[in-house]
Amino acid sequence: MVDRKTVEYIANLARIKVKEEEIEYLRVQLSRILDYVDKLKQLNVDNVPVTRGTFFTENILREDEVKDSKLNQEILRNSPYLQENHFKIPKVIE
């Protein structure tokens, strides 16, 4: 069973703020997840063949195609900042 202190500890590790009213909900959800993992640990998988990777799958992706887009101006029109038909954004890396 996950306690309040554990929820707060995990939230701190994840660097997220958890509201007071969310702690109980998260405590219950984390407890359910861990209970489910415990059930999975009890499964007998001795007769299940080992599979690794995606050896038996085939590529279902299509080839890339370059196409002209007629939406360029419509999309750019939604931006508050443009420069020579490109989005202009503030500098994010110094």
PDB file of N, CA and C in Angstrom:
ATOM      1  N   MET A   1       0.841  -1.180   0.000  1.00  0.00           N
ATOM      2  CA  MET A   1       0.000   0.000   0.000  1.00  0.00           C
ATOM      3  C   MET A   1       0.888   1.245   0.000  1.00  0.00           C
ATOM      4  N   VAL A   2       0.600   2.149  -0.899  1.00  0.00           N
ATOM      5  CA  VAL A   2       1.355   3.392  -1.023  1.00  0.00           C
ATOM      6  C   VAL A   2       0.806   4.399  -0.017  1.00  0.00           C
ATOM      7  N   ASP A   3       1.690   5.045   0.713  1.00  0.00           N
ATOM      8  CA  ASP A   3       1.226   6.042   1.676  1.00  0.00           C
ATOM      9  C   ASP A   3       1.440   7.458   1.134  1.00  0.00           C
ATOM     10  N   ARG A   4       0.938   8.407   1.857  1.00  0.00           N
ATOM     11  CA  ARG A   4       1.000   9.822   1.463  1.00  0.00           C
ATOM     12  C   ARG A   4       2.442  10.287   1.255  1.00  0.00           C
ATOM     13  N   LYS A   5       3.317   9.865   2.151  1.00  0.00           N
ATOM     14  CA  LYS A   5       4.712  10.279   2.088  1.00  0.00           C
ATOM     15  C   LYS A   5       5.365   9.783   0.794  1.00  0.00           C
ATOM     16  N   THR A   6       5.011   8.580   0.366  1.00  0.00           N
ATOM     17  CA  THR A   6       5.547   8.026  -0.878  1.00  0.00           C
ATOM     18  C   THR A   6       5.067   8.822  -2.082  1.00  0.00           C
ATOM     19  N   VAL A   7       3.801   9.209  -2.091  1.00  0.00           N
ATOM     20  CA  VAL A   7       3.263  10.026  -3.184  1.00  0.00           C
ATOM     21  C   VAL A   7       4.021  11.346  -3.259  1.00  0.00           C
ATOM     22  N   GLU A   8       4.224  11.969  -2.126  1.00  0.00           N
ATOM     23  CA  GLU A   8       4.949  13.241  -2.094  1.00  0.00           C
ATOM     24  C   GLU A   8       6.395  13.061  -2.558  1.00  0.00           C
ATOM     25  N   TYR A   9       7.016  11.958  -2.173  1.00  0.00           N
ATOM     26  CA  TYR A   9       8.391  11.669  -2.573  1.00  0.00           C
ATOM     27  C   TYR A   9       8.489  11.481  -4.090  1.00  0.00           C
ATOM     28  N   ILE A  10       7.562  10.699  -4.658  1.00  0.00           N
ATOM     29  CA  ILE A  10       7.556  10.460  -6.105  1.00  0.00           C
ATOM     30  C   ILE A  10       7.299  11.758  -6.859  1.00  0.00           C
ATOM     31  N   ALA A  11       6.381  12.559  -6.367  1.00  0.00           N
ATOM     32  CA  ALA A  11       6.093  13.849  -7.006  1.00  0.00           C
ATOM     33  C   ALA A  11       7.336  14.736  -6.983  1.00  0.00           C
ATOM     34  N   ASN A  12       8.057  14.708  -5.886  1.00  0.00           N
ATOM     35  CA  ASN A  12       9.285  15.492  -5.779  1.00  0.00           C
ATOM     36  C   ASN A  12      10.340  14.997  -6.767  1.00  0.00           C
ATOM     37  N   LEU A  13      10.480  13.681  -6.897  1.00  0.00           N
ATOM     38  CA  LEU A  13      11.432  13.122  -7.860  1.00  0.00           C
ATOM     39  C   LEU A  13      11.071  13.515  -9.289  1.00  0.00           C
ATOM     40  N   ALA A  14       9.767  13.530  -9.576  1.00  0.00           N
ATOM     41  CA  ALA A  14       9.298  13.880 -10.919  1.00  0.00           C
ATOM     42  C   ALA A  14       9.260  15.386 -11.129  1.00  0.00           C
ATOM     43  N   ARG A  15       9.527  16.119 -10.076  1.00  0.00           N
ATOM     44  CA  ARG A  15       9.509  17.583 -10.115  1.00  0.00           C
ATOM     45  C   ARG A  15       8.152  18.128 -10.552  1.00  0.00           C
ATOM     46  N   ILE A  16       7.107  17.541  -9.968  1.00  0.00           N
ATOM     47  CA  ILE A  16       5.756  18.037 -10.233  1.00  0.00           C
ATOM     48  C   ILE A  16       5.109  18.450  -8.922  1.00  0.00           C
ATOM     49  N   LYS A  17       4.261  19.450  -9.009  1.00  0.00           N
ATOM     50  CA  LYS A  17       3.521  19.889  -7.835  1.00  0.00           C
ATOM     51  C   LYS A  17       2.203  19.131  -7.796  1.00  0.00           C
ATOM     52  N   VAL A  18       1.913  18.578  -6.643  1.00  0.00           N
ATOM     53  CA  VAL A  18       0.669  17.841  -6.461  1.00  0.00           C
ATOM     54  C   VAL A  18      -0.184  18.606  -5.473  1.00  0.00           C
ATOM     55  N   LYS A  19      -1.400  18.887  -5.883  1.00  0.00           N
ATOM     56  CA  LYS A  19      -2.317  19.598  -4.997  1.00  0.00           C
ATOM     57  C   LYS A  19      -2.748  18.674  -3.868  1.00  0.00           C
ATOM     58  N   GLU A  20      -3.108  19.278  -2.773  1.00  0.00           N
ATOM     59  CA  GLU A  20      -3.525  18.528  -1.585  1.00  0.00           C
ATOM     60  C   GLU A  20      -4.651  17.549  -1.913  1.00  0.00           C
ATOM     61  N   GLU A  21      -5.607  18.006  -2.715  1.00  0.00           N
ATOM     62  CA  GLU A  21      -6.765  17.156  -3.029  1.00  0.00           C
ATOM     63  C   GLU A  21      -6.425  16.033  -4.016  1.00  0.00           C
ATOM     64  N   GLU A  22      -5.253  16.072  -4.638  1.00  0.00           N
ATOM     65  CA  GLU A  22      -4.852  15.028  -5.582  1.00  0.00           C
ATOM     66  C   GLU A  22      -4.086  13.891  -4.914  1.00  0.00           C
ATOM     67  N   ILE A  23      -3.565  14.132  -3.738  1.00  0.00           N
ATOM     68  CA  ILE A  23      -2.692  13.150  -3.084  1.00  0.00           C
ATOM     69  C   ILE A  23      -3.411  11.832  -2.825  1.00  0.00           C
ATOM     70  N   GLU A  24      -4.607  11.880  -2.304  1.00  0.00           N
ATOM     71  CA  GLU A  24      -5.342  10.642  -2.015  1.00  0.00           C
ATOM     72  C   GLU A  24      -5.651   9.878  -3.297  1.00  0.00           C
ATOM     73  N   TYR A  25      -6.067  10.597  -4.337  1.00  0.00           N
ATOM     74  CA  TYR A  25      -6.361   9.948  -5.617  1.00  0.00           C
ATOM     75  C   TYR A  25      -5.113   9.248  -6.157  1.00  0.00           C
ATOM     76  N   LEU A  26      -3.976   9.941  -6.134  1.00  0.00           N
ATOM     77  CA  LEU A  26      -2.731   9.358  -6.627  1.00  0.00           C
ATOM     78  C   LEU A  26      -2.276   8.190  -5.767  1.00  0.00           C
ATOM     79  N   ARG A  27      -2.491   8.290  -4.471  1.00  0.00           N
ATOM     80  CA  ARG A  27      -2.127   7.197  -3.564  1.00  0.00           C
ATOM     81  C   ARG A  27      -2.878   5.927  -3.941  1.00  0.00           C
ATOM     82  N   VAL A  28      -4.184   6.065  -4.182  1.00  0.00           N
ATOM     83  CA  VAL A  28      -5.012   4.911  -4.551  1.00  0.00           C
ATOM     84  C   VAL A  28      -4.577   4.360  -5.908  1.00  0.00           C
ATOM     85  N   GLN A  29      -4.349   5.241  -6.883  1.00  0.00           N
ATOM     86  CA  GLN A  29      -3.959   4.798  -8.222  1.00  0.00           C
ATOM     87  C   GLN A  29      -2.607   4.080  -8.206  1.00  0.00           C
ATOM     88  N   LEU A  30      -1.641   4.629  -7.496  1.00  0.00           N
ATOM     89  CA  LEU A  30      -0.335   3.977  -7.407  1.00  0.00           C
ATOM     90  C   LEU A  30      -0.432   2.627  -6.703  1.00  0.00           C
ATOM     91  N   SER A  31      -1.265   2.539  -5.689  1.00  0.00           N
ATOM     92  CA  SER A  31      -1.466   1.264  -4.998  1.00  0.00           C
ATOM     93  C   SER A  31      -2.054   0.231  -5.944  1.00  0.00           C
ATOM     94  N   ARG A  32      -3.020   0.643  -6.755  1.00  0.00           N
ATOM     95  CA  ARG A  32      -3.634  -0.280  -7.721  1.00  0.00           C
ATOM     96  C   ARG A  32      -2.614  -0.759  -8.750  1.00  0.00           C
ATOM     97  N   ILE A  33      -1.783   0.143  -9.209  1.00  0.00           N
ATOM     98  CA  ILE A  33      -0.761  -0.227 -10.189  1.00  0.00           C
ATOM     99  C   ILE A  33       0.202  -1.247  -9.591  1.00  0.00           C
ATOM    100  N   LEU A  34       0.652  -0.996  -8.374  1.00  0.00           N
ATOM    101  CA  LEU A  34       1.584  -1.923  -7.731  1.00  0.00           C
ATOM    102  C   LEU A  34       0.928  -3.265  -7.430  1.00  0.00           C
ATOM    103  N   ASP A  35      -0.352  -3.263  -7.072  1.00  0.00           N
ATOM    104  CA  ASP A  35      -1.082  -4.520  -6.873  1.00  0.00           C
ATOM    105  C   ASP A  35      -1.133  -5.314  -8.176  1.00  0.00           C
ATOM    106  N   TYR A  36      -1.362  -4.620  -9.280  1.00  0.00           N
ATOM    107  CA  TYR A  36      -1.414  -5.274 -10.584  1.00  0.00           C
ATOM    108  C   TYR A  36      -0.051  -5.869 -10.945  1.00  0.00           C
ATOM    109  N   VAL A  37       1.017  -5.141 -10.667  1.00  0.00           N
ATOM    110  CA  VAL A  37       2.364  -5.649 -10.931  1.00  0.00           C
ATOM    111  C   VAL A  37       2.624  -6.898 -10.097  1.00  0.00           C
ATOM    112  N   ASP A  38       2.168  -6.904  -8.853  1.00  0.00           N
ATOM    113  CA  ASP A  38       2.321  -8.093  -8.011  1.00  0.00           C
ATOM    114  C   ASP A  38       1.596  -9.287  -8.613  1.00  0.00           C
ATOM    115  N   LYS A  39       0.405  -9.058  -9.178  1.00  0.00           N
ATOM    116  CA  LYS A  39      -0.331 -10.146  -9.841  1.00  0.00           C
ATOM    117  C   LYS A  39       0.448 -10.659 -11.048  1.00  0.00           C
ATOM    118  N   LEU A  40       1.037  -9.749 -11.811  1.00  0.00           N
ATOM    119  CA  LEU A  40       1.820 -10.162 -12.978  1.00  0.00           C
ATOM    120  C   LEU A  40       3.030 -10.995 -12.568  1.00  0.00           C
ATOM    121  N   LYS A  41       3.623 -10.657 -11.437  1.00  0.00           N
ATOM    122  CA  LYS A  41       4.782 -11.407 -10.951  1.00  0.00           C
ATOM    123  C   LYS A  41       4.420 -12.854 -10.618  1.00  0.00           C
ATOM    124  N   GLN A  42       3.162 -13.105 -10.280  1.00  0.00           N
ATOM    125  CA  GLN A  42       2.722 -14.439  -9.884  1.00  0.00           C
ATOM    126  C   GLN A  42       2.401 -15.339 -11.078  1.00  0.00           C
ATOM    127  N   LEU A  43       2.337 -14.762 -12.275  1.00  0.00           N
ATOM    128  CA  LEU A  43       2.008 -15.551 -13.456  1.00  0.00           C
ATOM    129  C   LEU A  43       3.104 -16.560 -13.761  1.00  0.00           C
ATOM    130  N   ASN A  44       2.684 -17.751 -14.158  1.00  0.00           N
ATOM    131  CA  ASN A  44       3.625 -18.773 -14.574  1.00  0.00           C
ATOM    132  C   ASN A  44       3.836 -18.626 -16.080  1.00  0.00           C
ATOM    133  N   VAL A  45       5.010 -18.215 -16.459  1.00  0.00           N
ATOM    134  CA  VAL A  45       5.316 -18.001 -17.873  1.00  0.00           C
ATOM    135  C   VAL A  45       6.388 -18.980 -18.366  1.00  0.00           C
ATOM    136  N   ASP A  46       6.515 -20.103 -17.674  1.00  0.00           N
ATOM    137  CA  ASP A  46       7.540 -21.080 -18.040  1.00  0.00           C
ATOM    138  C   ASP A  46       7.348 -21.620 -19.453  1.00  0.00           C
ATOM    139  N   ASN A  47       6.100 -21.791 -19.888  1.00  0.00           N
ATOM    140  CA  ASN A  47       5.829 -22.377 -21.200  1.00  0.00           C
ATOM    141  C   ASN A  47       5.578 -21.333 -22.289  1.00  0.00           C
ATOM    142  N   VAL A  48       5.836 -20.088 -21.988  1.00  0.00           N
ATOM    143  CA  VAL A  48       5.642 -19.025 -22.976  1.00  0.00           C
ATOM    144  C   VAL A  48       6.971 -18.807 -23.695  1.00  0.00           C
ATOM    145  N   PRO A  49       6.953 -18.901 -25.040  1.00  0.00           N
ATOM    146  CA  PRO A  49       8.220 -18.721 -25.760  1.00  0.00           C
ATOM    147  C   PRO A  49       8.763 -17.300 -25.606  1.00  0.00           C
ATOM    148  N   VAL A  50      10.072 -17.224 -25.528  1.00  0.00           N
ATOM    149  CA  VAL A  50      10.732 -15.934 -25.375  1.00  0.00           C
ATOM    150  C   VAL A  50      10.734 -15.218 -26.724  1.00  0.00           C
ATOM    151  N   THR A  51      10.335 -13.966 -26.724  1.00  0.00           N
ATOM    152  CA  THR A  51      10.408 -13.157 -27.939  1.00  0.00           C
ATOM    153  C   THR A  51      11.188 -11.897 -27.616  1.00  0.00           C
ATOM    154  N   ARG A  52      11.991 -11.489 -28.556  1.00  0.00           N
ATOM    155  CA  ARG A  52      12.786 -10.277 -28.370  1.00  0.00           C
ATOM    156  C   ARG A  52      12.695  -9.429 -29.623  1.00  0.00           C
ATOM    157  N   GLY A  53      12.532  -8.148 -29.427  1.00  0.00           N
ATOM    158  CA  GLY A  53      12.556  -7.220 -30.547  1.00  0.00           C
ATOM    159  C   GLY A  53      11.359  -7.345 -31.464  1.00  0.00           C
ATOM    160  N   THR A  54      11.554  -6.919 -32.689  1.00  0.00           N
ATOM    161  CA  THR A  54      10.469  -6.931 -33.669  1.00  0.00           C
ATOM    162  C   THR A  54      10.863  -7.774 -34.873  1.00  0.00           C
ATOM    163  N   PHE A  55      11.447  -8.910 -34.609  1.00  0.00           N
ATOM    164  CA  PHE A  55      11.963  -9.776 -35.657  1.00  0.00           C
ATOM    165  C   PHE A  55      10.887 -10.201 -36.653  1.00  0.00           C
ATOM    166  N   PHE A  56       9.676 -10.473 -36.175  1.00  0.00           N
ATOM    167  CA  PHE A  56       8.638 -11.019 -37.040  1.00  0.00           C
ATOM    168  C   PHE A  56       7.721  -9.962 -37.638  1.00  0.00           C
ATOM    169  N   THR A  57       8.031  -8.712 -37.457  1.00  0.00           N
ATOM    170  CA  THR A  57       7.175  -7.678 -38.027  1.00  0.00           C
ATOM    171  C   THR A  57       7.757  -7.199 -39.340  1.00  0.00           C
ATOM    172  N   GLU A  58       6.893  -6.697 -40.179  1.00  0.00           N
ATOM    173  CA  GLU A  58       7.364  -6.143 -41.441  1.00  0.00           C
ATOM    174  C   GLU A  58       7.079  -4.656 -41.464  1.00  0.00           C
ATOM    175  N   ASN A  59       7.814  -3.947 -42.253  1.00  0.00           N
ATOM    176  CA  ASN A  59       7.659  -2.508 -42.341  1.00  0.00           C
ATOM    177  C   ASN A  59       6.349  -2.177 -43.052  1.00  0.00           C
ATOM    178  N   ILE A  60       5.465  -1.483 -42.352  1.00  0.00           N
ATOM    179  CA  ILE A  60       4.185  -1.116 -42.950  1.00  0.00           C
ATOM    180  C   ILE A  60       4.124   0.374 -43.251  1.00  0.00           C
ATOM    181  N   LEU A  61       5.257   1.045 -43.128  1.00  0.00           N
ATOM    182  CA  LEU A  61       5.296   2.476 -43.376  1.00  0.00           C
ATOM    183  C   LEU A  61       5.395   2.740 -44.873  1.00  0.00           C
ATOM    184  N   ARG A  62       4.828   3.818 -45.287  1.00  0.00           N
ATOM    185  CA  ARG A  62       4.892   4.189 -46.703  1.00  0.00           C
ATOM    186  C   ARG A  62       6.185   4.946 -46.974  1.00  0.00           C
ATOM    187  N   GLU A  63       6.546   5.043 -48.216  1.00  0.00           N
ATOM    188  CA  GLU A  63       7.704   5.830 -48.616  1.00  0.00           C
ATOM    189  C   GLU A  63       7.377   7.309 -48.449  1.00  0.00           C
ATOM    190  N   ASP A  64       8.372   8.104 -48.103  1.00  0.00           N
ATOM    191  CA  ASP A  64       8.174   9.546 -47.983  1.00  0.00           C
ATOM    192  C   ASP A  64       7.960  10.156 -49.361  1.00  0.00           C
ATOM    193  N   GLU A  65       7.040  11.094 -49.429  1.00  0.00           N
ATOM    194  CA  GLU A  65       6.780  11.813 -50.672  1.00  0.00           C
ATOM    195  C   GLU A  65       6.792  13.300 -50.384  1.00  0.00           C
ATOM    196  N   VAL A  66       7.471  14.056 -51.219  1.00  0.00           N
ATOM    197  CA  VAL A  66       7.467  15.506 -51.082  1.00  0.00           C
ATOM    198  C   VAL A  66       6.280  16.027 -51.873  1.00  0.00           C
ATOM    199  N   LYS A  67       5.434  16.803 -51.199  1.00  0.00           N
ATOM    200  CA  LYS A  67       4.252  17.365 -51.850  1.00  0.00           C
ATOM    201  C   LYS A  67       4.175  18.848 -51.528  1.00  0.00           C
ATOM    202  N   ASP A  68       3.672  19.611 -52.479  1.00  0.00           N
ATOM    203  CA  ASP A  68       3.419  21.021 -52.218  1.00  0.00           C
ATOM    204  C   ASP A  68       2.198  21.145 -51.328  1.00  0.00           C
ATOM    205  N   SER A  69       2.286  22.032 -50.374  1.00  0.00           N
ATOM    206  CA  SER A  69       1.155  22.257 -49.483  1.00  0.00           C
ATOM    207  C   SER A  69       0.479  23.562 -49.848  1.00  0.00           C
ATOM    208  N   LYS A  70      -0.824  23.509 -49.943  1.00  0.00           N
ATOM    209  CA  LYS A  70      -1.577  24.720 -50.247  1.00  0.00           C
ATOM    210  C   LYS A  70      -2.018  25.417 -48.961  1.00  0.00           C
ATOM    211  N   LEU A  71      -1.640  24.839 -47.838  1.00  0.00           N
ATOM    212  CA  LEU A  71      -2.058  25.398 -46.556  1.00  0.00           C
ATOM    213  C   LEU A  71      -1.029  26.352 -45.958  1.00  0.00           C
ATOM    214  N   ASN A  72       0.121  26.502 -46.579  1.00  0.00           N
ATOM    215  CA  ASN A  72       1.186  27.320 -45.998  1.00  0.00           C
ATOM    216  C   ASN A  72       0.698  28.689 -45.544  1.00  0.00           C
ATOM    217  N   GLN A  73       0.098  29.434 -46.436  1.00  0.00           N
ATOM    218  CA  GLN A  73      -0.343  30.786 -46.094  1.00  0.00           C
ATOM    219  C   GLN A  73      -1.420  30.766 -45.020  1.00  0.00           C
ATOM    220  N   GLU A  74      -2.295  29.777 -45.080  1.00  0.00           N
ATOM    221  CA  GLU A  74      -3.355  29.681 -44.072  1.00  0.00           C
ATOM    222  C   GLU A  74      -2.767  29.409 -42.686  1.00  0.00           C
ATOM    223  N   ILE A  75      -1.780  28.546 -42.631  1.00  0.00           N
ATOM    224  CA  ILE A  75      -1.132  28.228 -41.355  1.00  0.00           C
ATOM    225  C   ILE A  75      -0.336  29.428 -40.853  1.00  0.00           C
ATOM    226  N   LEU A  76       0.433  30.040 -41.740  1.00  0.00           N
ATOM    227  CA  LEU A  76       1.243  31.189 -41.343  1.00  0.00           C
ATOM    228  C   LEU A  76       0.382  32.357 -40.881  1.00  0.00           C
ATOM    229  N   ARG A  77      -0.794  32.492 -41.438  1.00  0.00           N
ATOM    230  CA  ARG A  77      -1.695  33.581 -41.071  1.00  0.00           C
ATOM    231  C   ARG A  77      -2.080  33.515 -39.582  1.00  0.00           C
ATOM    232  N   ASN A  78      -2.032  32.331 -38.993  1.00  0.00           N
ATOM    233  CA  ASN A  78      -2.410  32.162 -37.588  1.00  0.00           C
ATOM    234  C   ASN A  78      -1.299  32.557 -36.622  1.00  0.00           C
ATOM    235  N   SER A  79      -0.123  32.808 -37.130  1.00  0.00           N
ATOM    236  CA  SER A  79       1.000  33.147 -36.264  1.00  0.00           C
ATOM    237  C   SER A  79       1.077  34.654 -36.041  1.00  0.00           C
ATOM    238  N   PRO A  80       1.316  35.071 -34.801  1.00  0.00           N
ATOM    239  CA  PRO A  80       1.440  36.506 -34.545  1.00  0.00           C
ATOM    240  C   PRO A  80       2.778  37.071 -35.028  1.00  0.00           C
ATOM    241  N   TYR A  81       3.774  36.220 -35.230  1.00  0.00           N
ATOM    242  CA  TYR A  81       5.104  36.690 -35.624  1.00  0.00           C
ATOM    243  C   TYR A  81       5.587  35.928 -36.857  1.00  0.00           C
ATOM    244  N   LEU A  82       5.830  36.663 -37.925  1.00  0.00           N
ATOM    245  CA  LEU A  82       6.325  36.063 -39.163  1.00  0.00           C
ATOM    246  C   LEU A  82       7.548  36.816 -39.646  1.00  0.00           C
ATOM    247  N   GLN A  83       8.397  36.091 -40.362  1.00  0.00           N
ATOM    248  CA  GLN A  83       9.544  36.715 -41.003  1.00  0.00           C
ATOM    249  C   GLN A  83       9.824  35.931 -42.285  1.00  0.00           C
ATOM    250  N   GLU A  84       9.626  36.560 -43.424  1.00  0.00           N
ATOM    251  CA  GLU A  84       9.869  35.951 -44.728  1.00  0.00           C
ATOM    252  C   GLU A  84       9.202  34.580 -44.861  1.00  0.00           C
ATOM    253  N   ASN A  85       7.918  34.525 -44.618  1.00  0.00           N
ATOM    254  CA  ASN A  85       7.125  33.292 -44.733  1.00  0.00           C
ATOM    255  C   ASN A  85       7.593  32.164 -43.812  1.00  0.00           C
ATOM    256  N   HIS A  86       8.148  32.520 -42.669  1.00  0.00           N
ATOM    257  CA  HIS A  86       8.542  31.545 -41.656  1.00  0.00           C
ATOM    258  C   HIS A  86       8.025  32.025 -40.307  1.00  0.00           C
ATOM    259  N   PHE A  87       7.827  31.076 -39.406  1.00  0.00           N
ATOM    260  CA  PHE A  87       7.456  31.441 -38.046  1.00  0.00           C
ATOM    261  C   PHE A  87       8.651  32.103 -37.382  1.00  0.00           C
ATOM    262  N   LYS A  88       8.422  33.180 -36.698  1.00  0.00           N
ATOM    263  CA  LYS A  88       9.488  33.848 -35.950  1.00  0.00           C
ATOM    264  C   LYS A  88       9.202  33.619 -34.471  1.00  0.00           C
ATOM    265  N   ILE A  89      10.184  33.066 -33.772  1.00  0.00           N
ATOM    266  CA  ILE A  89      10.003  32.767 -32.351  1.00  0.00           C
ATOM    267  C   ILE A  89      11.123  33.426 -31.557  1.00  0.00           C
ATOM    268  N   PRO A  90      10.878  33.632 -30.255  1.00  0.00           N
ATOM    269  CA  PRO A  90      11.941  34.200 -29.425  1.00  0.00           C
ATOM    270  C   PRO A  90      13.109  33.218 -29.305  1.00  0.00           C
ATOM    271  N   LYS A  91      14.283  33.758 -29.120  1.00  0.00           N
ATOM    272  CA  LYS A  91      15.476  32.936 -28.937  1.00  0.00           C
ATOM    273  C   LYS A  91      15.329  32.116 -27.660  1.00  0.00           C
ATOM    274  N   VAL A  92      15.574  30.798 -27.756  1.00  0.00           N
ATOM    275  CA  VAL A  92      15.415  29.939 -26.582  1.00  0.00           C
ATOM    276  C   VAL A  92      16.743  29.399 -26.061  1.00  0.00           C
ATOM    277  N   ILE A  93      17.778  29.479 -26.863  1.00  0.00           N
ATOM    278  CA  ILE A  93      19.093  29.000 -26.434  1.00  0.00           C
ATOM    279  C   ILE A  93      20.069  30.161 -26.508  1.00  0.00           C
ATOM    280  N   GLU A  94      20.747  30.391 -25.422  1.00  0.00           N
ATOM    281  CA  GLU A  94      21.739  31.485 -25.379  1.00  0.00           C
ATOM    282  C   GLU A  94      23.063  31.007 -25.905  1.00  0.00           C
TER     283      GLU A  94
END
